[in-house]
Amino acid sequence: MKQYEPEYFKTLAKQLRFSLSDTEAKDIADEFGILLDQMRLLDKIDTEGVLEMVYPIEAETSFMREDEIGHTFTVEEAMANAPRKAKDHFVTVKVVG
């Protein structure tokens, strides 16, 4: 099986526990092919000498702030409405098989 053909996506979907029709698998394979072509185009761009950026804008941002501890809950406050608890932990139903 060649990678990134419809059958590849059907197998992947089965492993992830859902099914794809032949049409859906073909559509995904086609879209993925377009994405790969776009990535190949980006690979062709000469970035020699271009510095990496941490943010996509060069101006200083005002939305960044220092981390400051604000109001915190005590264990008792956090557990006050818990329907089930054991010591200082929430008790929930098992969600994995």
C-alpha atoms as a PDB file:
ATOM      1  CA  MET A   1       0.000   0.000   0.000  1.00  0.00           C
ATOM      2  CA  LYS A   2       1.493   3.302  -1.086  1.00  0.00           C
ATOM      3  CA  GLN A   3       1.496   5.944   1.611  1.00  0.00           C
ATOM      4  CA  TYR A   4      -1.107   8.739   1.372  1.00  0.00           C
ATOM      5  CA  GLU A   5      -3.457   6.947  -0.973  1.00  0.00           C
ATOM      6  CA  PRO A   6      -7.126   6.535   0.018  1.00  0.00           C
ATOM      7  CA  GLU A   7      -6.500   3.040   1.397  1.00  0.00           C
ATOM      8  CA  TYR A   8      -3.861   4.471   3.763  1.00  0.00           C
ATOM      9  CA  PHE A   9      -6.422   6.851   5.258  1.00  0.00           C
ATOM     10  CA  LYS A  10      -9.053   4.105   5.517  1.00  0.00           C
ATOM     11  CA  THR A  11      -6.552   1.952   7.448  1.00  0.00           C
ATOM     12  CA  LEU A  12      -5.611   4.876   9.669  1.00  0.00           C
ATOM     13  CA  ALA A  13      -9.286   5.611  10.356  1.00  0.00           C
ATOM     14  CA  LYS A  14      -9.879   1.975  11.295  1.00  0.00           C
ATOM     15  CA  GLN A  15      -6.975   2.125  13.740  1.00  0.00           C
ATOM     16  CA  LEU A  16      -8.557   5.238  15.262  1.00  0.00           C
ATOM     17  CA  ARG A  17     -11.873   3.384  15.556  1.00  0.00           C
ATOM     18  CA  PHE A  18     -13.961   5.157  12.945  1.00  0.00           C
ATOM     19  CA  SER A  19     -14.826   4.370   9.379  1.00  0.00           C
ATOM     20  CA  LEU A  20     -14.437   6.281   6.146  1.00  0.00           C
ATOM     21  CA  SER A  21     -16.307   5.712   2.942  1.00  0.00           C
ATOM     22  CA  ASP A  22     -14.313   5.333  -0.266  1.00  0.00           C
ATOM     23  CA  THR A  23     -15.361   8.857  -1.272  1.00  0.00           C
ATOM     24  CA  GLU A  24     -14.295  10.361   2.063  1.00  0.00           C
ATOM     25  CA  ALA A  25     -10.939   8.557   1.932  1.00  0.00           C
ATOM     26  CA  LYS A  26     -10.333   9.795  -1.615  1.00  0.00           C
ATOM     27  CA  ASP A  27     -11.255  13.373  -0.628  1.00  0.00           C
ATOM     28  CA  ILE A  28      -8.855  13.270   2.325  1.00  0.00           C
ATOM     29  CA  ALA A  29      -6.085  11.819   0.158  1.00  0.00           C
ATOM     30  CA  ASP A  30      -6.641  14.555  -2.451  1.00  0.00           C
ATOM     31  CA  GLU A  31      -6.602  17.308   0.185  1.00  0.00           C
ATOM     32  CA  PHE A  32      -3.510  15.829   1.791  1.00  0.00           C
ATOM     33  CA  GLY A  33      -1.782  15.778  -1.594  1.00  0.00           C
ATOM     34  CA  ILE A  34      -2.542  19.481  -2.026  1.00  0.00           C
ATOM     35  CA  LEU A  35      -1.151  20.172   1.445  1.00  0.00           C
ATOM     36  CA  LEU A  36       2.049  18.275   0.632  1.00  0.00           C
ATOM     37  CA  ASP A  37       2.429  20.242  -2.614  1.00  0.00           C
ATOM     38  CA  GLN A  38       2.075  23.502  -0.672  1.00  0.00           C
ATOM     39  CA  MET A  39       4.694  22.359   1.835  1.00  0.00           C
ATOM     40  CA  ARG A  40       7.079  21.520  -1.045  1.00  0.00           C
ATOM     41  CA  LEU A  41       6.581  25.047  -2.378  1.00  0.00           C
ATOM     42  CA  LEU A  42       7.460  26.499   1.014  1.00  0.00           C
ATOM     43  CA  ASP A  43      10.576  24.306   1.135  1.00  0.00           C
ATOM     44  CA  LYS A  44      11.794  26.020  -2.059  1.00  0.00           C
ATOM     45  CA  ILE A  45      11.855  29.461  -0.430  1.00  0.00           C
ATOM     46  CA  ASP A  46      15.416  30.617   0.249  1.00  0.00           C
ATOM     47  CA  THR A  47      15.582  31.478   3.935  1.00  0.00           C
ATOM     48  CA  GLU A  48      19.364  31.706   4.122  1.00  0.00           C
ATOM     49  CA  GLY A  49      20.308  34.588   6.393  1.00  0.00           C
ATOM     50  CA  VAL A  50      16.759  35.131   7.640  1.00  0.00           C
ATOM     51  CA  LEU A  51      16.524  35.234  11.419  1.00  0.00           C
ATOM     52  CA  GLU A  52      13.872  33.156  13.133  1.00  0.00           C
ATOM     53  CA  MET A  53      11.066  35.058  14.793  1.00  0.00           C
ATOM     54  CA  VAL A  54       9.526  34.238  18.135  1.00  0.00           C
ATOM     55  CA  TYR A  55       6.373  36.161  17.237  1.00  0.00           C
ATOM     56  CA  PRO A  56       4.953  36.844  13.781  1.00  0.00           C
ATOM     57  CA  ILE A  57       5.136  40.595  14.385  1.00  0.00           C
ATOM     58  CA  GLU A  58       8.219  42.602  15.146  1.00  0.00           C
ATOM     59  CA  ALA A  59       6.564  45.316  17.251  1.00  0.00           C
ATOM     60  CA  GLU A  60       6.589  44.872  20.998  1.00  0.00           C
ATOM     61  CA  THR A  61       3.386  43.399  22.252  1.00  0.00           C
ATOM     62  CA  SER A  62       1.342  44.773  25.085  1.00  0.00           C
ATOM     63  CA  PHE A  63      -0.684  41.643  25.748  1.00  0.00           C
ATOM     64  CA  MET A  64       2.179  39.803  27.419  1.00  0.00           C
ATOM     65  CA  ARG A  65       2.319  40.162  31.162  1.00  0.00           C
ATOM     66  CA  GLU A  66       4.354  38.796  34.004  1.00  0.00           C
ATOM     67  CA  ASP A  67       2.944  35.718  35.679  1.00  0.00           C
ATOM     68  CA  GLU A  68       1.571  36.803  39.006  1.00  0.00           C
ATOM     69  CA  ILE A  69      -0.171  34.594  41.492  1.00  0.00           C
ATOM     70  CA  GLY A  70      -3.689  35.842  42.031  1.00  0.00           C
ATOM     71  CA  HIS A  71      -6.523  34.291  43.967  1.00  0.00           C
ATOM     72  CA  THR A  72      -5.955  30.592  44.651  1.00  0.00           C
ATOM     73  CA  PHE A  73      -8.385  28.109  46.104  1.00  0.00           C
ATOM     74  CA  THR A  74      -7.680  26.123  49.221  1.00  0.00           C
ATOM     75  CA  VAL A  75      -8.069  22.372  48.917  1.00  0.00           C
ATOM     76  CA  GLU A  76     -11.281  22.595  50.916  1.00  0.00           C
ATOM     77  CA  GLU A  77     -12.729  25.254  48.576  1.00  0.00           C
ATOM     78  CA  ALA A  78     -11.782  23.266  45.484  1.00  0.00           C
ATOM     79  CA  MET A  79     -13.305  20.055  46.855  1.00  0.00           C
ATOM     80  CA  ALA A  80     -16.418  21.671  48.343  1.00  0.00           C
ATOM     81  CA  ASN A  81     -18.822  20.685  45.521  1.00  0.00           C
ATOM     82  CA  ALA A  82     -17.154  17.447  44.455  1.00  0.00           C
ATOM     83  CA  PRO A  83     -19.768  14.673  44.427  1.00  0.00           C
ATOM     84  CA  ARG A  84     -17.097  12.059  45.186  1.00  0.00           C
ATOM     85  CA  LYS A  85     -13.639  12.525  46.647  1.00  0.00           C
ATOM     86  CA  ALA A  86     -10.882  10.498  48.252  1.00  0.00           C
ATOM     87  CA  LYS A  87      -8.484  12.383  50.477  1.00  0.00           C
ATOM     88  CA  ASP A  88      -7.543  15.483  48.443  1.00  0.00           C
ATOM     89  CA  HIS A  89      -8.504  14.047  45.029  1.00  0.00           C
ATOM     90  CA  PHE A  90     -11.606  14.087  42.837  1.00  0.00           C
ATOM     91  CA  VAL A  91     -13.046  10.622  42.137  1.00  0.00           C
ATOM     92  CA  THR A  92     -14.476  10.104  38.656  1.00  0.00           C
ATOM     93  CA  VAL A  93     -15.749   7.167  36.655  1.00  0.00           C
ATOM     94  CA  LYS A  94     -13.202   5.177  34.665  1.00  0.00           C
ATOM     95  CA  VAL A  95     -13.049   6.570  31.114  1.00  0.00           C
ATOM     96  CA  VAL A  96     -10.560   4.199  29.466  1.00  0.00           C
ATOM     97  CA  GLY A  97     -11.057   0.505  28.902  1.00  0.00           C
END
